[in-house]
Each structure stands twice: as C-alpha cells, then as structure tokens.
Amino acid sequence: MDKDTFQQEVYSVVAAIPAGRVVTYGQMAYLIGKPQCSRMVGNAMHHVPAELHLPCHRVVNSQGRLVPFWAEQRGLLEGEGVVFRRNGCVDMKASQWEFMKE
C-alpha cells in the first residue's frame, strides 16, 4: 500500500466516525488493515487537507489524550457530547466508537 492509498483509507475512516464518538490512532490502523501503523495514522492526520472538512477532532490517543497545541479540539468534542475525565482525557469507556457493534 503506497502512502497516498494509506492516507485515503485513513481519511475514509475519519469521515465515518459518528458525532459524539472518538477513535484512537491504533483503532484506525486496525480498521485499515495495518494494525502496527498507528504512528503512520498520526502522520496522515497531521497532513489532512483542510478542504476535506474531516472530523479530525474525533481522533485521540489510546489514553484519550487530545492533540497537543490544538486548543479547539476539546470544545469541538464537548459540543458533540463527548465525556471527559477529571484529568482532561476523554472518557474512553463512555465515548469510544464501538465500530464492531455497528
């Protein structure tokens, strides 16, 4: 799979994340058949073209931590009803997209 194909697959998963739910980089890698490539997912997310208007704010790390230096991410997620823990991380039990159940 070349870089462009990988990025397109990542972007198609991001587009499918429902409002009010989050997905981890590792889950995204799993969904596109590359479970060892979560860092590559992060790199693809860093380079999403703005004109795609993807809900990138719905992607967090495995502990529910938000993207560093992206202050708007929390507000976007809270606006969709995503639940946060006291430590500032997303409550993954409450807000993780359970794509296997859909």
PDB file of N, CA and C in Angstrom:
ATOM      1  N   MET A   1       0.857  -1.173   0.000  1.00  0.00           N
ATOM      2  CA  MET A   1       0.000   0.000   0.000  1.00  0.00           C
ATOM      3  C   MET A   1       0.903   1.235   0.000  1.00  0.00           C
ATOM      4  N   ASP A   2       0.716   2.117  -0.983  1.00  0.00           N
ATOM      5  CA  ASP A   2       1.540   3.316  -1.032  1.00  0.00           C
ATOM      6  C   ASP A   2       0.991   4.384  -0.083  1.00  0.00           C
ATOM      7  N   LYS A   3       1.759   5.445   0.097  1.00  0.00           N
ATOM      8  CA  LYS A   3       1.414   6.496   1.054  1.00  0.00           C
ATOM      9  C   LYS A   3       0.065   7.139   0.742  1.00  0.00           C
ATOM     10  N   ASP A   4      -0.192   7.437  -0.526  1.00  0.00           N
ATOM     11  CA  ASP A   4      -1.454   8.081  -0.895  1.00  0.00           C
ATOM     12  C   ASP A   4      -2.645   7.181  -0.613  1.00  0.00           C
ATOM     13  N   THR A   5      -2.519   5.905  -0.919  1.00  0.00           N
ATOM     14  CA  THR A   5      -3.602   4.955  -0.648  1.00  0.00           C
ATOM     15  C   THR A   5      -3.834   4.852   0.859  1.00  0.00           C
ATOM     16  N   PHE A   6      -2.749   4.771   1.614  1.00  0.00           N
ATOM     17  CA  PHE A   6      -2.847   4.701   3.076  1.00  0.00           C
ATOM     18  C   PHE A   6      -3.594   5.930   3.608  1.00  0.00           C
ATOM     19  N   GLN A   7      -3.184   7.110   3.164  1.00  0.00           N
ATOM     20  CA  GLN A   7      -3.844   8.330   3.632  1.00  0.00           C
ATOM     21  C   GLN A   7      -5.318   8.341   3.265  1.00  0.00           C
ATOM     22  N   GLN A   8      -5.663   7.936   2.062  1.00  0.00           N
ATOM     23  CA  GLN A   8      -7.065   7.924   1.640  1.00  0.00           C
ATOM     24  C   GLN A   8      -7.893   6.974   2.515  1.00  0.00           C
ATOM     25  N   GLU A   9      -7.312   5.834   2.871  1.00  0.00           N
ATOM     26  CA  GLU A   9      -8.023   4.896   3.737  1.00  0.00           C
ATOM     27  C   GLU A   9      -8.207   5.481   5.134  1.00  0.00           C
ATOM     28  N   VAL A  10      -7.181   6.148   5.642  1.00  0.00           N
ATOM     29  CA  VAL A  10      -7.297   6.821   6.943  1.00  0.00           C
ATOM     30  C   VAL A  10      -8.416   7.855   6.880  1.00  0.00           C
ATOM     31  N   TYR A  11      -8.421   8.664   5.829  1.00  0.00           N
ATOM     32  CA  TYR A  11      -9.415   9.731   5.713  1.00  0.00           C
ATOM     33  C   TYR A  11     -10.831   9.177   5.582  1.00  0.00           C
ATOM     34  N   SER A  12     -10.984   8.034   4.947  1.00  0.00           N
ATOM     35  CA  SER A  12     -12.324   7.450   4.830  1.00  0.00           C
ATOM     36  C   SER A  12     -12.826   6.964   6.187  1.00  0.00           C
ATOM     37  N   VAL A  13     -11.926   6.461   7.027  1.00  0.00           N
ATOM     38  CA  VAL A  13     -12.331   6.057   8.386  1.00  0.00           C
ATOM     39  C   VAL A  13     -12.705   7.281   9.202  1.00  0.00           C
ATOM     40  N   VAL A  14     -11.903   8.331   9.125  1.00  0.00           N
ATOM     41  CA  VAL A  14     -12.208   9.552   9.875  1.00  0.00           C
ATOM     42  C   VAL A  14     -13.583  10.079   9.488  1.00  0.00           C
ATOM     43  N   ALA A  15     -13.883  10.058   8.212  1.00  0.00           N
ATOM     44  CA  ALA A  15     -15.174  10.556   7.734  1.00  0.00           C
ATOM     45  C   ALA A  15     -16.344   9.758   8.299  1.00  0.00           C
ATOM     46  N   ALA A  16     -16.106   8.507   8.676  1.00  0.00           N
ATOM     47  CA  ALA A  16     -17.176   7.637   9.169  1.00  0.00           C
ATOM     48  C   ALA A  16     -17.392   7.710  10.683  1.00  0.00           C
ATOM     49  N   ILE A  17     -16.502   8.370  11.415  1.00  0.00           N
ATOM     50  CA  ILE A  17     -16.643   8.430  12.881  1.00  0.00           C
ATOM     51  C   ILE A  17     -17.874   9.255  13.224  1.00  0.00           C
ATOM     52  N   PRO A  18     -18.818   8.669  13.958  1.00  0.00           N
ATOM     53  CA  PRO A  18     -20.045   9.412  14.283  1.00  0.00           C
ATOM     54  C   PRO A  18     -19.795  10.542  15.284  1.00  0.00           C
ATOM     55  N   ALA A  19     -20.604  11.564  15.193  1.00  0.00           N
ATOM     56  CA  ALA A  19     -20.532  12.663  16.159  1.00  0.00           C
ATOM     57  C   ALA A  19     -20.729  12.113  17.569  1.00  0.00           C
ATOM     58  N   GLY A  20     -19.972  12.654  18.507  1.00  0.00           N
ATOM     59  CA  GLY A  20     -20.086  12.225  19.896  1.00  0.00           C
ATOM     60  C   GLY A  20     -19.255  11.008  20.232  1.00  0.00           C
ATOM     61  N   ARG A  21     -18.470  10.520  19.281  1.00  0.00           N
ATOM     62  CA  ARG A  21     -17.620   9.338  19.485  1.00  0.00           C
ATOM     63  C   ARG A  21     -16.193   9.668  19.090  1.00  0.00           C
ATOM     64  N   VAL A  22     -15.255   8.939  19.681  1.00  0.00           N
ATOM     65  CA  VAL A  22     -13.847   9.100  19.338  1.00  0.00           C
ATOM     66  C   VAL A  22     -13.244   7.754  18.980  1.00  0.00           C
ATOM     67  N   VAL A  23     -12.135   7.814  18.251  1.00  0.00           N
ATOM     68  CA  VAL A  23     -11.386   6.630  17.837  1.00  0.00           C
ATOM     69  C   VAL A  23      -9.917   6.914  18.109  1.00  0.00           C
ATOM     70  N   THR A  24      -9.159   5.876  18.435  1.00  0.00           N
ATOM     71  CA  THR A  24      -7.725   6.044  18.657  1.00  0.00           C
ATOM     72  C   THR A  24      -6.972   5.829  17.347  1.00  0.00           C
ATOM     73  N   TYR A  25      -5.729   6.294  17.345  1.00  0.00           N
ATOM     74  CA  TYR A  25      -4.869   6.084  16.179  1.00  0.00           C
ATOM     75  C   TYR A  25      -4.686   4.587  15.922  1.00  0.00           C
ATOM     76  N   GLY A  26      -4.538   3.820  16.986  1.00  0.00           N
ATOM     77  CA  GLY A  26      -4.377   2.375  16.852  1.00  0.00           C
ATOM     78  C   GLY A  26      -5.604   1.703  16.272  1.00  0.00           C
ATOM     79  N   GLN A  27      -6.781   2.141  16.687  1.00  0.00           N
ATOM     80  CA  GLN A  27      -8.016   1.579  16.131  1.00  0.00           C
ATOM     81  C   GLN A  27      -8.115   1.892  14.641  1.00  0.00           C
ATOM     82  N   MET A  28      -7.723   3.093  14.293  1.00  0.00           N
ATOM     83  CA  MET A  28      -7.782   3.463  12.873  1.00  0.00           C
ATOM     84  C   MET A  28      -6.846   2.576  12.074  1.00  0.00           C
ATOM     85  N   ALA A  29      -5.641   2.339  12.592  1.00  0.00           N
ATOM     86  CA  ALA A  29      -4.686   1.471  11.900  1.00  0.00           C
ATOM     87  C   ALA A  29      -5.267   0.073  11.735  1.00  0.00           C
ATOM     88  N   TYR A  30      -5.921  -0.419  12.775  1.00  0.00           N
ATOM     89  CA  TYR A  30      -6.559  -1.743  12.730  1.00  0.00           C
ATOM     90  C   TYR A  30      -7.648  -1.769  11.649  1.00  0.00           C
ATOM     91  N   LEU A  31      -8.456  -0.731  11.610  1.00  0.00           N
ATOM     92  CA  LEU A  31      -9.576  -0.682  10.668  1.00  0.00           C
ATOM     93  C   LEU A  31      -9.133  -0.697   9.205  1.00  0.00           C
ATOM     94  N   ILE A  32      -7.950  -0.167   8.935  1.00  0.00           N
ATOM     95  CA  ILE A  32      -7.493  -0.171   7.539  1.00  0.00           C
ATOM     96  C   ILE A  32      -6.559  -1.343   7.255  1.00  0.00           C
ATOM     97  N   GLY A  33      -6.470  -2.266   8.205  1.00  0.00           N
ATOM     98  CA  GLY A  33      -5.694  -3.481   7.973  1.00  0.00           C
ATOM     99  C   GLY A  33      -4.207  -3.340   8.197  1.00  0.00           C
ATOM    100  N   LYS A  34      -3.795  -2.304   8.917  1.00  0.00           N
ATOM    101  CA  LYS A  34      -2.380  -2.067   9.216  1.00  0.00           C
ATOM    102  C   LYS A  34      -2.223  -1.827  10.721  1.00  0.00           C
ATOM    103  N   PRO A  35      -2.488  -2.841  11.545  1.00  0.00           N
ATOM    104  CA  PRO A  35      -2.539  -2.628  12.996  1.00  0.00           C
ATOM    105  C   PRO A  35      -1.237  -2.135  13.627  1.00  0.00           C
ATOM    106  N   GLN A  36      -0.119  -2.282  12.961  1.00  0.00           N
ATOM    107  CA  GLN A  36       1.163  -1.818  13.511  1.00  0.00           C
ATOM    108  C   GLN A  36       1.509  -0.393  13.076  1.00  0.00           C
ATOM    109  N   CYS A  37       0.593   0.278  12.430  1.00  0.00           N
ATOM    110  CA  CYS A  37       0.917   1.566  11.803  1.00  0.00           C
ATOM    111  C   CYS A  37       0.203   2.764  12.433  1.00  0.00           C
ATOM    112  N   SER A  38       0.016   2.753  13.744  1.00  0.00           N
ATOM    113  CA  SER A  38      -0.693   3.865  14.374  1.00  0.00           C
ATOM    114  C   SER A  38       0.062   5.185  14.238  1.00  0.00           C
ATOM    115  N   ARG A  39       1.388   5.135  14.241  1.00  0.00           N
ATOM    116  CA  ARG A  39       2.154   6.379  14.047  1.00  0.00           C
ATOM    117  C   ARG A  39       1.962   6.926  12.629  1.00  0.00           C
ATOM    118  N   MET A  40       1.846   6.038  11.671  1.00  0.00           N
ATOM    119  CA  MET A  40       1.590   6.487  10.299  1.00  0.00           C
ATOM    120  C   MET A  40       0.201   7.124  10.202  1.00  0.00           C
ATOM    121  N   VAL A  41      -0.750   6.605  10.981  1.00  0.00           N
ATOM    122  CA  VAL A  41      -2.080   7.214  11.025  1.00  0.00           C
ATOM    123  C   VAL A  41      -1.951   8.637  11.562  1.00  0.00           C
ATOM    124  N   GLY A  42      -1.189   8.792  12.645  1.00  0.00           N
ATOM    125  CA  GLY A  42      -0.976  10.123  13.208  1.00  0.00           C
ATOM    126  C   GLY A  42      -0.355  11.072  12.197  1.00  0.00           C
ATOM    127  N   ASN A  43       0.593  10.582  11.433  1.00  0.00           N
ATOM    128  CA  ASN A  43       1.222  11.400  10.403  1.00  0.00           C
ATOM    129  C   ASN A  43       0.212  11.781   9.324  1.00  0.00           C
ATOM    130  N   ALA A  44      -0.600  10.833   8.910  1.00  0.00           N
ATOM    131  CA  ALA A  44      -1.634  11.129   7.905  1.00  0.00           C
ATOM    132  C   ALA A  44      -2.619  12.170   8.446  1.00  0.00           C
ATOM    133  N   MET A  45      -2.960  12.051   9.731  1.00  0.00           N
ATOM    134  CA  MET A  45      -3.887  13.005  10.338  1.00  0.00           C
ATOM    135  C   MET A  45      -3.288  14.407  10.374  1.00  0.00           C
ATOM    136  N   HIS A  46      -1.985  14.485  10.568  1.00  0.00           N
ATOM    137  CA  HIS A  46      -1.301  15.778  10.620  1.00  0.00           C
ATOM    138  C   HIS A  46      -1.341  16.480   9.258  1.00  0.00           C
ATOM    139  N   HIS A  47      -1.509  15.708   8.197  1.00  0.00           N
ATOM    140  CA  HIS A  47      -1.468  16.267   6.842  1.00  0.00           C
ATOM    141  C   HIS A  47      -2.819  16.251   6.125  1.00  0.00           C
ATOM    142  N   VAL A  48      -3.919  16.178   6.861  1.00  0.00           N
ATOM    143  CA  VAL A  48      -5.248  16.180   6.235  1.00  0.00           C
ATOM    144  C   VAL A  48      -5.476  17.523   5.534  1.00  0.00           C
ATOM    145  N   PRO A  49      -5.814  17.489   4.258  1.00  0.00           N
ATOM    146  CA  PRO A  49      -6.133  18.744   3.560  1.00  0.00           C
ATOM    147  C   PRO A  49      -7.399  19.380   4.148  1.00  0.00           C
ATOM    148  N   ALA A  50      -7.335  20.660   4.439  1.00  0.00           N
ATOM    149  CA  ALA A  50      -8.462  21.373   5.058  1.00  0.00           C
ATOM    150  C   ALA A  50      -9.735  21.270   4.220  1.00  0.00           C
ATOM    151  N   GLU A  51      -9.572  21.215   2.905  1.00  0.00           N
ATOM    152  CA  GLU A  51     -10.762  21.191   2.036  1.00  0.00           C
ATOM    153  C   GLU A  51     -11.574  19.900   2.160  1.00  0.00           C
ATOM    154  N   LEU A  52     -11.031  18.882   2.814  1.00  0.00           N
ATOM    155  CA  LEU A  52     -11.796  17.644   3.025  1.00  0.00           C
ATOM    156  C   LEU A  52     -12.821  17.779   4.154  1.00  0.00           C
ATOM    157  N   HIS A  53     -12.636  18.763   5.027  1.00  0.00           N
ATOM    158  CA  HIS A  53     -13.577  19.028   6.126  1.00  0.00           C
ATOM    159  C   HIS A  53     -13.865  17.767   6.948  1.00  0.00           C
ATOM    160  N   LEU A  54     -12.818  17.057   7.324  1.00  0.00           N
ATOM    161  CA  LEU A  54     -12.971  15.823   8.100  1.00  0.00           C
ATOM    162  C   LEU A  54     -13.060  16.128   9.587  1.00  0.00           C
ATOM    163  N   PRO A  55     -13.784  15.293  10.338  1.00  0.00           N
ATOM    164  CA  PRO A  55     -13.897  15.488  11.785  1.00  0.00           C
ATOM    165  C   PRO A  55     -12.668  14.953  12.523  1.00  0.00           C
ATOM    166  N   CYS A  56     -11.519  15.531  12.235  1.00  0.00           N
ATOM    167  CA  CYS A  56     -10.256  15.058  12.808  1.00  0.00           C
ATOM    168  C   CYS A  56     -10.224  15.174  14.329  1.00  0.00           C
ATOM    169  N   HIS A  57     -11.051  16.052  14.875  1.00  0.00           N
ATOM    170  CA  HIS A  57     -11.084  16.224  16.326  1.00  0.00           C
ATOM    171  C   HIS A  57     -11.560  14.962  17.038  1.00  0.00           C
ATOM    172  N   ARG A  58     -12.128  14.019  16.320  1.00  0.00           N
ATOM    173  CA  ARG A  58     -12.638  12.782  16.919  1.00  0.00           C
ATOM    174  C   ARG A  58     -11.576  11.689  17.044  1.00  0.00           C
ATOM    175  N   VAL A  59     -10.332  12.011  16.752  1.00  0.00           N
ATOM    176  CA  VAL A  59      -9.240  11.041  16.859  1.00  0.00           C
ATOM    177  C   VAL A  59      -8.348  11.458  18.036  1.00  0.00           C
ATOM    178  N   VAL A  60      -8.149  10.531  18.969  1.00  0.00           N
ATOM    179  CA  VAL A  60      -7.351  10.787  20.174  1.00  0.00           C
ATOM    180  C   VAL A  60      -6.361   9.642  20.364  1.00  0.00           C
ATOM    181  N   ASN A  61      -5.456   9.780  21.332  1.00  0.00           N
ATOM    182  CA  ASN A  61      -4.540   8.665  21.563  1.00  0.00           C
ATOM    183  C   ASN A  61      -5.204   7.606  22.438  1.00  0.00           C
ATOM    184  N   SER A  62      -4.505   6.516  22.682  1.00  0.00           N
ATOM    185  CA  SER A  62      -5.114   5.362  23.359  1.00  0.00           C
ATOM    186  C   SER A  62      -5.542   5.648  24.795  1.00  0.00           C
ATOM    187  N   GLN A  63      -4.969   6.673  25.415  1.00  0.00           N
ATOM    188  CA  GLN A  63      -5.381   7.051  26.768  1.00  0.00           C
ATOM    189  C   GLN A  63      -6.474   8.119  26.764  1.00  0.00           C
ATOM    190  N   GLY A  64      -6.877   8.538  25.577  1.00  0.00           N
ATOM    191  CA  GLY A  64      -7.896   9.575  25.473  1.00  0.00           C
ATOM    192  C   GLY A  64      -7.327  10.979  25.507  1.00  0.00           C
ATOM    193  N   ARG A  65      -6.012  11.100  25.382  1.00  0.00           N
ATOM    194  CA  ARG A  65      -5.394  12.423  25.368  1.00  0.00           C
ATOM    195  C   ARG A  65      -5.643  13.108  24.035  1.00  0.00           C
ATOM    196  N   LEU A  66      -5.783  14.418  24.120  1.00  0.00           N
ATOM    197  CA  LEU A  66      -6.039  15.224  22.937  1.00  0.00           C
ATOM    198  C   LEU A  66      -4.736  15.586  22.233  1.00  0.00           C
ATOM    199  N   VAL A  67      -4.866  16.131  21.041  1.00  0.00           N
ATOM    200  CA  VAL A  67      -3.708  16.549  20.260  1.00  0.00           C
ATOM    201  C   VAL A  67      -3.055  17.750  20.959  1.00  0.00           C
ATOM    202  N   PRO A  68      -1.748  17.682  21.213  1.00  0.00           N
ATOM    203  CA  PRO A  68      -1.085  18.834  21.839  1.00  0.00           C
ATOM    204  C   PRO A  68      -1.183  20.082  20.955  1.00  0.00           C
ATOM    205  N   PHE A  69      -1.343  21.201  21.579  1.00  0.00           N
ATOM    206  CA  PHE A  69      -1.371  22.513  20.911  1.00  0.00           C
ATOM    207  C   PHE A  69      -2.571  22.709  19.989  1.00  0.00           C
ATOM    208  N   TRP A  70      -3.634  21.941  20.194  1.00  0.00           N
ATOM    209  CA  TRP A  70      -4.872  22.157  19.435  1.00  0.00           C
ATOM    210  C   TRP A  70      -5.978  22.446  20.447  1.00  0.00           C
ATOM    211  N   ALA A  71      -6.022  23.692  20.890  1.00  0.00           N
ATOM    212  CA  ALA A  71      -6.929  24.098  21.964  1.00  0.00           C
ATOM    213  C   ALA A  71      -8.405  23.887  21.612  1.00  0.00           C
ATOM    214  N   GLU A  72      -8.742  23.989  20.353  1.00  0.00           N
ATOM    215  CA  GLU A  72     -10.152  23.879  19.940  1.00  0.00           C
ATOM    216  C   GLU A  72     -10.700  22.460  20.007  1.00  0.00           C
ATOM    217  N   GLN A  73      -9.840  21.471  20.040  1.00  0.00           N
ATOM    218  CA  GLN A  73     -10.295  20.074  19.977  1.00  0.00           C
ATOM    219  C   GLN A  73     -11.261  19.754  21.101  1.00  0.00           C
ATOM    220  N   ARG A  74     -10.942  20.135  22.320  1.00  0.00           N
ATOM    221  CA  ARG A  74     -11.811  19.805  23.452  1.00  0.00           C
ATOM    222  C   ARG A  74     -13.192  20.432  23.281  1.00  0.00           C
ATOM    223  N   GLY A  75     -13.240  21.685  22.888  1.00  0.00           N
ATOM    224  CA  GLY A  75     -14.522  22.352  22.700  1.00  0.00           C
ATOM    225  C   GLY A  75     -15.369  21.681  21.625  1.00  0.00           C
ATOM    226  N   LEU A  76     -14.728  21.270  20.542  1.00  0.00           N
ATOM    227  CA  LEU A  76     -15.460  20.571  19.478  1.00  0.00           C
ATOM    228  C   LEU A  76     -16.054  19.269  19.995  1.00  0.00           C
ATOM    229  N   LEU A  77     -15.256  18.523  20.753  1.00  0.00           N
ATOM    230  CA  LEU A  77     -15.733  17.239  21.292  1.00  0.00           C
ATOM    231  C   LEU A  77     -16.828  17.453  22.333  1.00  0.00           C
ATOM    232  N   GLU A  78     -16.636  18.408  23.214  1.00  0.00           N
ATOM    233  CA  GLU A  78     -17.668  18.684  24.229  1.00  0.00           C
ATOM    234  C   GLU A  78     -18.975  19.110  23.568  1.00  0.00           C
ATOM    235  N   GLY A  79     -18.864  19.857  22.478  1.00  0.00           N
ATOM    236  CA  GLY A  79     -20.061  20.280  21.744  1.00  0.00           C
ATOM    237  C   GLY A  79     -20.846  19.115  21.164  1.00  0.00           C
ATOM    238  N   GLU A  80     -20.180  17.977  20.984  1.00  0.00           N
ATOM    239  CA  GLU A  80     -20.831  16.768  20.472  1.00  0.00           C
ATOM    240  C   GLU A  80     -21.250  15.825  21.598  1.00  0.00           C
ATOM    241  N   GLY A  81     -20.965  16.209  22.844  1.00  0.00           N
ATOM    242  CA  GLY A  81     -21.360  15.370  23.969  1.00  0.00           C
ATOM    243  C   GLY A  81     -20.318  14.362  24.423  1.00  0.00           C
ATOM    244  N   VAL A  82     -19.089  14.464  23.939  1.00  0.00           N
ATOM    245  CA  VAL A  82     -18.028  13.561  24.379  1.00  0.00           C
ATOM    246  C   VAL A  82     -17.738  13.844  25.852  1.00  0.00           C
ATOM    247  N   VAL A  83     -17.591  12.785  26.620  1.00  0.00           N
ATOM    248  CA  VAL A  83     -17.388  12.879  28.064  1.00  0.00           C
ATOM    249  C   VAL A  83     -15.891  12.912  28.376  1.00  0.00           C
ATOM    250  N   PHE A  84     -15.494  13.802  29.292  1.00  0.00           N
ATOM    251  CA  PHE A  84     -14.105  13.910  29.720  1.00  0.00           C
ATOM    252  C   PHE A  84     -13.967  13.496  31.177  1.00  0.00           C
ATOM    253  N   ARG A  85     -12.810  12.938  31.488  1.00  0.00           N
ATOM    254  CA  ARG A  85     -12.491  12.594  32.874  1.00  0.00           C
ATOM    255  C   ARG A  85     -11.894  13.825  33.555  1.00  0.00           C
ATOM    256  N   ARG A  86     -11.758  13.739  34.846  1.00  0.00           N
ATOM    257  CA  ARG A  86     -11.232  14.846  35.637  1.00  0.00           C
ATOM    258  C   ARG A  86      -9.814  15.250  35.203  1.00  0.00           C
ATOM    259  N   ASN A  87      -9.042  14.298  34.692  1.00  0.00           N
ATOM    260  CA  ASN A  87      -7.658  14.580  34.290  1.00  0.00           C
ATOM    261  C   ASN A  87      -7.548  15.248  32.918  1.00  0.00           C
ATOM    262  N   GLY A  88      -8.679  15.518  32.268  1.00  0.00           N
ATOM    263  CA  GLY A  88      -8.678  16.191  30.972  1.00  0.00           C
ATOM    264  C   GLY A  88      -8.685  15.270  29.767  1.00  0.00           C
ATOM    265  N   CYS A  89      -8.596  13.969  30.005  1.00  0.00           N
ATOM    266  CA  CYS A  89      -8.633  12.992  28.909  1.00  0.00           C
ATOM    267  C   CYS A  89     -10.077  12.597  28.612  1.00  0.00           C
ATOM    268  N   VAL A  90     -10.310  12.168  27.388  1.00  0.00           N
ATOM    269  CA  VAL A  90     -11.626  11.647  27.005  1.00  0.00           C
ATOM    270  C   VAL A  90     -11.908  10.391  27.824  1.00  0.00           C
ATOM    271  N   ASP A  91     -13.129  10.264  28.309  1.00  0.00           N
ATOM    272  CA  ASP A  91     -13.548   9.033  28.978  1.00  0.00           C
ATOM    273  C   ASP A  91     -13.821   8.013  27.878  1.00  0.00           C
ATOM    274  N   MET A  92     -12.840   7.156  27.645  1.00  0.00           N
ATOM    275  CA  MET A  92     -12.925   6.211  26.530  1.00  0.00           C
ATOM    276  C   MET A  92     -14.065   5.208  26.711  1.00  0.00           C
ATOM    277  N   LYS A  93     -14.373   4.832  27.934  1.00  0.00           N
ATOM    278  CA  LYS A  93     -15.476   3.894  28.156  1.00  0.00           C
ATOM    279  C   LYS A  93     -16.806   4.513  27.747  1.00  0.00           C
ATOM    280  N   ALA A  94     -16.936   5.798  27.948  1.00  0.00           N
ATOM    281  CA  ALA A  94     -18.199   6.471  27.647  1.00  0.00           C
ATOM    282  C   ALA A  94     -18.294   6.947  26.201  1.00  0.00           C
ATOM    283  N   SER A  95     -17.165   7.259  25.573  1.00  0.00           N
ATOM    284  CA  SER A  95     -17.219   7.967  24.291  1.00  0.00           C
ATOM    285  C   SER A  95     -16.533   7.279  23.116  1.00  0.00           C
ATOM    286  N   GLN A  96     -15.916   6.135  23.341  1.00  0.00           N
ATOM    287  CA  GLN A  96     -15.222   5.457  22.243  1.00  0.00           C
ATOM    288  C   GLN A  96     -16.221   4.870  21.252  1.00  0.00           C
ATOM    289  N   TRP A  97     -15.925   5.028  19.968  1.00  0.00           N
ATOM    290  CA  TRP A  97     -16.772   4.457  18.916  1.00  0.00           C
ATOM    291  C   TRP A  97     -16.599   2.953  18.922  1.00  0.00           C
ATOM    292  N   GLU A  98     -17.673   2.260  19.132  1.00  0.00           N
ATOM    293  CA  GLU A  98     -17.651   0.792  19.140  1.00  0.00           C
ATOM    294  C   GLU A  98     -18.057   0.299  17.755  1.00  0.00           C
ATOM    295  N   PHE A  99     -17.151   0.495  16.802  1.00  0.00           N
ATOM    296  CA  PHE A  99     -17.421   0.193  15.406  1.00  0.00           C
ATOM    297  C   PHE A  99     -17.737  -1.273  15.167  1.00  0.00           C
ATOM    298  N   MET A 100     -17.273  -2.160  16.054  1.00  0.00           N
ATOM    299  CA  MET A 100     -17.530  -3.585  15.885  1.00  0.00           C
ATOM    300  C   MET A 100     -18.982  -3.940  16.179  1.00  0.00           C
ATOM    301  N   LYS A 101     -19.690  -3.076  16.915  1.00  0.00           N
ATOM    302  CA  LYS A 101     -21.081  -3.354  17.278  1.00  0.00           C
ATOM    303  C   LYS A 101     -22.064  -2.791  16.263  1.00  0.00           C
ATOM    304  N   GLU A 102     -21.566  -2.011  15.308  1.00  0.00           N
ATOM    305  CA  GLU A 102     -22.488  -1.400  14.340  1.00  0.00           C
ATOM    306  C   GLU A 102     -22.584  -2.214  13.069  1.00  0.00           C
TER     307      GLU A 102
END
